[in-house]
Amino acid sequence: MVGKMSETVVAIPEFNGTVAPRLDCASKIIIAHLQNGQIKDKQELNLNNVNPYQLIGILTEKGVQKVICYHLCRRDWYSLRANGIEVMARISGNVEEILKNLAAGKLSTSNAIPFWRKGTDGICRGKGRSRRGRRGRRWEQD
């Protein structure tokens, strides 16, 4: 008997059949069980009444091992990683095709669409603004 592959549980935030732009703004998530190069089971999780802070806990309870998304905030990135969930960011396209490619072993972060800025890793960061005002000048009274 050839070595049996273990089951992988994947979550993908969906928007109109494609990967949602952000994980915390998705209204539903597709949770798929992949085994031996095939999609074994697939379910849809409605997130309309779920607090964004509860989302990571729900994914952990469902046994999710990998999240495929286009973009996510820093809070979600670190929470997912702290719970042992692998993150594949900057992935865009049709959810069904992504699941088929992932099951076949053809999907990796090299398939990801690059962001417009250099050095980004799929995490939202602030735009560099500070409390000092425009261009770092302090407001002084005359």
C-alpha atoms as a PDB file:
ATOM      1  CA  MET A   1       0.000   0.000   0.000  1.00  0.00           C
ATOM      2  CA  VAL A   2       1.309   3.421  -0.962  1.00  0.00           C
ATOM      3  CA  GLY A   3       1.597   5.966   1.890  1.00  0.00           C
ATOM      4  CA  LYS A   4      -1.773   7.519   2.671  1.00  0.00           C
ATOM      5  CA  MET A   5      -1.913  11.303   2.679  1.00  0.00           C
ATOM      6  CA  SER A   6      -3.456  12.956   5.690  1.00  0.00           C
ATOM      7  CA  GLU A   7      -6.527  15.123   5.452  1.00  0.00           C
ATOM      8  CA  THR A   8      -6.050  18.893   5.161  1.00  0.00           C
ATOM      9  CA  VAL A   9      -8.758  21.327   6.241  1.00  0.00           C
ATOM     10  CA  VAL A  10      -8.711  24.601   4.283  1.00  0.00           C
ATOM     11  CA  ALA A  11     -10.722  27.801   4.757  1.00  0.00           C
ATOM     12  CA  ILE A  12     -11.273  30.352   1.986  1.00  0.00           C
ATOM     13  CA  PRO A  13     -13.252  33.586   2.486  1.00  0.00           C
ATOM     14  CA  GLU A  14     -15.649  33.890  -0.461  1.00  0.00           C
ATOM     15  CA  PHE A  15     -17.266  36.827  -2.249  1.00  0.00           C
ATOM     16  CA  ASN A  16     -19.410  36.027  -5.327  1.00  0.00           C
ATOM     17  CA  GLY A  17     -17.524  32.829  -6.088  1.00  0.00           C
ATOM     18  CA  THR A  18     -14.068  34.376  -5.809  1.00  0.00           C
ATOM     19  CA  VAL A  19     -11.649  34.894  -2.939  1.00  0.00           C
ATOM     20  CA  ALA A  20     -12.820  37.827  -0.800  1.00  0.00           C
ATOM     21  CA  PRO A  21     -10.560  40.902  -0.726  1.00  0.00           C
ATOM     22  CA  ARG A  22     -10.136  40.678   3.081  1.00  0.00           C
ATOM     23  CA  LEU A  23     -10.542  37.881   5.593  1.00  0.00           C
ATOM     24  CA  ASP A  24     -12.278  39.939   8.291  1.00  0.00           C
ATOM     25  CA  CYS A  25     -14.780  41.485   5.842  1.00  0.00           C
ATOM     26  CA  ALA A  26     -16.040  38.243   4.286  1.00  0.00           C
ATOM     27  CA  SER A  27     -19.694  37.309   4.739  1.00  0.00           C
ATOM     28  CA  LYS A  28     -19.026  33.594   4.312  1.00  0.00           C
ATOM     29  CA  ILE A  29     -16.137  31.153   4.388  1.00  0.00           C
ATOM     30  CA  ILE A  30     -15.823  27.890   2.502  1.00  0.00           C
ATOM     31  CA  ILE A  31     -14.278  25.118   4.607  1.00  0.00           C
ATOM     32  CA  ALA A  32     -13.043  22.176   2.549  1.00  0.00           C
ATOM     33  CA  HIS A  33     -11.533  18.842   3.546  1.00  0.00           C
ATOM     34  CA  LEU A  34      -8.883  17.733   1.051  1.00  0.00           C
ATOM     35  CA  GLN A  35      -7.514  14.207   0.947  1.00  0.00           C
ATOM     36  CA  ASN A  36      -5.535  12.220  -1.630  1.00  0.00           C
ATOM     37  CA  GLY A  37      -5.756  14.964  -4.248  1.00  0.00           C
ATOM     38  CA  GLN A  38      -9.525  15.311  -4.040  1.00  0.00           C
ATOM     39  CA  ILE A  39     -12.077  17.501  -2.299  1.00  0.00           C
ATOM     40  CA  LYS A  40     -13.598  15.099   0.224  1.00  0.00           C
ATOM     41  CA  ASP A  41     -16.129  17.446   1.845  1.00  0.00           C
ATOM     42  CA  LYS A  42     -17.069  21.108   1.559  1.00  0.00           C
ATOM     43  CA  GLN A  43     -19.238  23.298   3.773  1.00  0.00           C
ATOM     44  CA  GLU A  44     -20.212  26.949   3.834  1.00  0.00           C
ATOM     45  CA  LEU A  45     -19.917  28.951   7.059  1.00  0.00           C
ATOM     46  CA  ASN A  46     -22.099  32.068   7.262  1.00  0.00           C
ATOM     47  CA  LEU A  47     -20.337  34.950   9.057  1.00  0.00           C
ATOM     48  CA  ASN A  48     -23.128  37.560   9.140  1.00  0.00           C
ATOM     49  CA  ASN A  49     -23.530  37.371  12.930  1.00  0.00           C
ATOM     50  CA  VAL A  50     -19.905  36.569  13.779  1.00  0.00           C
ATOM     51  CA  ASN A  51     -17.669  39.121  15.435  1.00  0.00           C
ATOM     52  CA  PRO A  52     -14.282  39.473  13.633  1.00  0.00           C
ATOM     53  CA  TYR A  53     -12.569  38.729  16.947  1.00  0.00           C
ATOM     54  CA  GLN A  54     -14.416  35.384  17.171  1.00  0.00           C
ATOM     55  CA  LEU A  55     -13.534  34.281  13.651  1.00  0.00           C
ATOM     56  CA  ILE A  56     -10.130  32.785  14.514  1.00  0.00           C
ATOM     57  CA  GLY A  57     -11.652  30.781  17.368  1.00  0.00           C
ATOM     58  CA  ILE A  58     -14.337  29.390  15.074  1.00  0.00           C
ATOM     59  CA  LEU A  59     -11.748  28.366  12.474  1.00  0.00           C
ATOM     60  CA  THR A  60      -9.677  26.673  15.193  1.00  0.00           C
ATOM     61  CA  GLU A  61     -12.744  24.782  16.470  1.00  0.00           C
ATOM     62  CA  LYS A  62     -13.493  23.568  12.928  1.00  0.00           C
ATOM     63  CA  GLY A  63      -9.964  22.145  12.695  1.00  0.00           C
ATOM     64  CA  VAL A  64      -8.778  24.472   9.920  1.00  0.00           C
ATOM     65  CA  GLN A  65      -5.089  23.974   9.136  1.00  0.00           C
ATOM     66  CA  LYS A  66      -4.688  26.445   6.274  1.00  0.00           C
ATOM     67  CA  VAL A  67      -6.343  29.752   5.315  1.00  0.00           C
ATOM     68  CA  ILE A  68      -6.161  30.968   1.729  1.00  0.00           C
ATOM     69  CA  CYS A  69      -6.974  34.641   1.322  1.00  0.00           C
ATOM     70  CA  TYR A  70      -6.039  37.707  -0.638  1.00  0.00           C
ATOM     71  CA  HIS A  71      -5.425  40.131   2.216  1.00  0.00           C
ATOM     72  CA  LEU A  72      -5.734  40.162   5.988  1.00  0.00           C
ATOM     73  CA  CYS A  73      -5.032  42.540   8.838  1.00  0.00           C
ATOM     74  CA  ARG A  74      -2.074  42.205  11.161  1.00  0.00           C
ATOM     75  CA  ARG A  75      -4.296  41.078  14.054  1.00  0.00           C
ATOM     76  CA  ASP A  76      -5.656  38.159  12.026  1.00  0.00           C
ATOM     77  CA  TRP A  77      -2.235  37.201  10.675  1.00  0.00           C
ATOM     78  CA  TYR A  78      -0.696  36.869  14.131  1.00  0.00           C
ATOM     79  CA  SER A  79      -3.791  35.194  15.611  1.00  0.00           C
ATOM     80  CA  LEU A  80      -3.871  32.571  12.882  1.00  0.00           C
ATOM     81  CA  ARG A  81      -0.155  31.883  13.185  1.00  0.00           C
ATOM     82  CA  ALA A  82      -0.395  31.674  17.006  1.00  0.00           C
ATOM     83  CA  ASN A  83      -3.112  29.009  16.639  1.00  0.00           C
ATOM     84  CA  GLY A  84      -0.967  26.936  14.273  1.00  0.00           C
ATOM     85  CA  ILE A  85      -2.916  27.815  11.124  1.00  0.00           C
ATOM     86  CA  GLU A  86      -0.856  28.293   7.962  1.00  0.00           C
ATOM     87  CA  VAL A  87      -1.687  31.414   5.929  1.00  0.00           C
ATOM     88  CA  MET A  88      -1.433  31.673   2.148  1.00  0.00           C
ATOM     89  CA  ALA A  89      -1.999  35.348   1.355  1.00  0.00           C
ATOM     90  CA  ARG A  90      -2.209  37.221  -1.955  1.00  0.00           C
ATOM     91  CA  ILE A  91      -4.152  34.412  -3.647  1.00  0.00           C
ATOM     92  CA  SER A  92      -6.916  35.572  -5.965  1.00  0.00           C
ATOM     93  CA  GLY A  93      -9.340  33.815  -8.265  1.00  0.00           C
ATOM     94  CA  ASN A  94     -12.246  31.398  -8.409  1.00  0.00           C
ATOM     95  CA  VAL A  95     -12.674  29.426  -5.157  1.00  0.00           C
ATOM     96  CA  GLU A  96     -13.471  26.125  -6.910  1.00  0.00           C
ATOM     97  CA  GLU A  97     -10.366  26.336  -9.116  1.00  0.00           C
ATOM     98  CA  ILE A  98      -8.184  27.247  -6.144  1.00  0.00           C
ATOM     99  CA  LEU A  99      -9.460  24.217  -4.214  1.00  0.00           C
ATOM    100  CA  LYS A 100      -8.840  21.905  -7.187  1.00  0.00           C
ATOM    101  CA  ASN A 101      -5.307  23.267  -7.673  1.00  0.00           C
ATOM    102  CA  LEU A 102      -4.540  23.005  -3.958  1.00  0.00           C
ATOM    103  CA  ALA A 103      -5.793  19.400  -3.816  1.00  0.00           C
ATOM    104  CA  ALA A 104      -3.640  18.553  -6.845  1.00  0.00           C
ATOM    105  CA  GLY A 105      -0.599  20.220  -5.258  1.00  0.00           C
ATOM    106  CA  LYS A 106      -0.383  22.931  -7.929  1.00  0.00           C
ATOM    107  CA  LEU A 107      -1.067  25.950  -5.688  1.00  0.00           C
ATOM    108  CA  SER A 108       1.671  27.780  -3.818  1.00  0.00           C
ATOM    109  CA  THR A 109       2.486  31.332  -2.833  1.00  0.00           C
ATOM    110  CA  SER A 110       4.337  31.664  -6.145  1.00  0.00           C
ATOM    111  CA  ASN A 111       0.866  31.741  -7.765  1.00  0.00           C
ATOM    112  CA  ALA A 112       0.018  34.825  -5.721  1.00  0.00           C
ATOM    113  CA  ILE A 113      -0.674  38.183  -7.305  1.00  0.00           C
ATOM    114  CA  PRO A 114       1.925  40.726  -6.113  1.00  0.00           C
ATOM    115  CA  PHE A 115       0.850  43.848  -4.267  1.00  0.00           C
ATOM    116  CA  TRP A 116       1.553  47.315  -5.585  1.00  0.00           C
ATOM    117  CA  ARG A 117       4.199  47.934  -2.895  1.00  0.00           C
ATOM    118  CA  LYS A 118       7.516  46.161  -2.562  1.00  0.00           C
ATOM    119  CA  GLY A 119       8.168  44.133   0.551  1.00  0.00           C
ATOM    120  CA  THR A 120       4.558  43.385   1.452  1.00  0.00           C
ATOM    121  CA  ASP A 121       3.647  40.002   2.804  1.00  0.00           C
ATOM    122  CA  GLY A 122      -0.149  40.131   2.781  1.00  0.00           C
ATOM    123  CA  ILE A 123      -0.503  42.038   6.041  1.00  0.00           C
ATOM    124  CA  CYS A 124      -2.307  45.375   6.302  1.00  0.00           C
ATOM    125  CA  ARG A 125      -0.175  48.029   7.893  1.00  0.00           C
ATOM    126  CA  GLY A 126      -0.827  51.676   8.602  1.00  0.00           C
ATOM    127  CA  LYS A 127       0.115  54.261   6.013  1.00  0.00           C
ATOM    128  CA  GLY A 128       2.908  55.688   8.147  1.00  0.00           C
ATOM    129  CA  ARG A 129       0.895  58.516   9.580  1.00  0.00           C
ATOM    130  CA  SER A 130       1.688  59.762  13.026  1.00  0.00           C
ATOM    131  CA  ARG A 131       0.216  62.140  15.540  1.00  0.00           C
ATOM    132  CA  ARG A 132       2.765  64.776  14.658  1.00  0.00           C
ATOM    133  CA  GLY A 133       0.764  66.175  11.769  1.00  0.00           C
ATOM    134  CA  ARG A 134       1.540  66.465   8.116  1.00  0.00           C
ATOM    135  CA  ARG A 135       5.045  65.400   7.064  1.00  0.00           C
ATOM    136  CA  GLY A 136       6.217  64.955  10.628  1.00  0.00           C
ATOM    137  CA  ARG A 137       6.019  68.658  11.535  1.00  0.00           C
ATOM    138  CA  ARG A 138       4.773  69.524  14.960  1.00  0.00           C
ATOM    139  CA  TRP A 139       2.067  72.095  15.291  1.00  0.00           C
ATOM    140  CA  GLU A 140       3.340  75.039  17.273  1.00  0.00           C
ATOM    141  CA  GLN A 141       1.459  77.942  18.692  1.00  0.00           C
ATOM    142  CA  ASP A 142       2.634  81.472  17.893  1.00  0.00           C
END
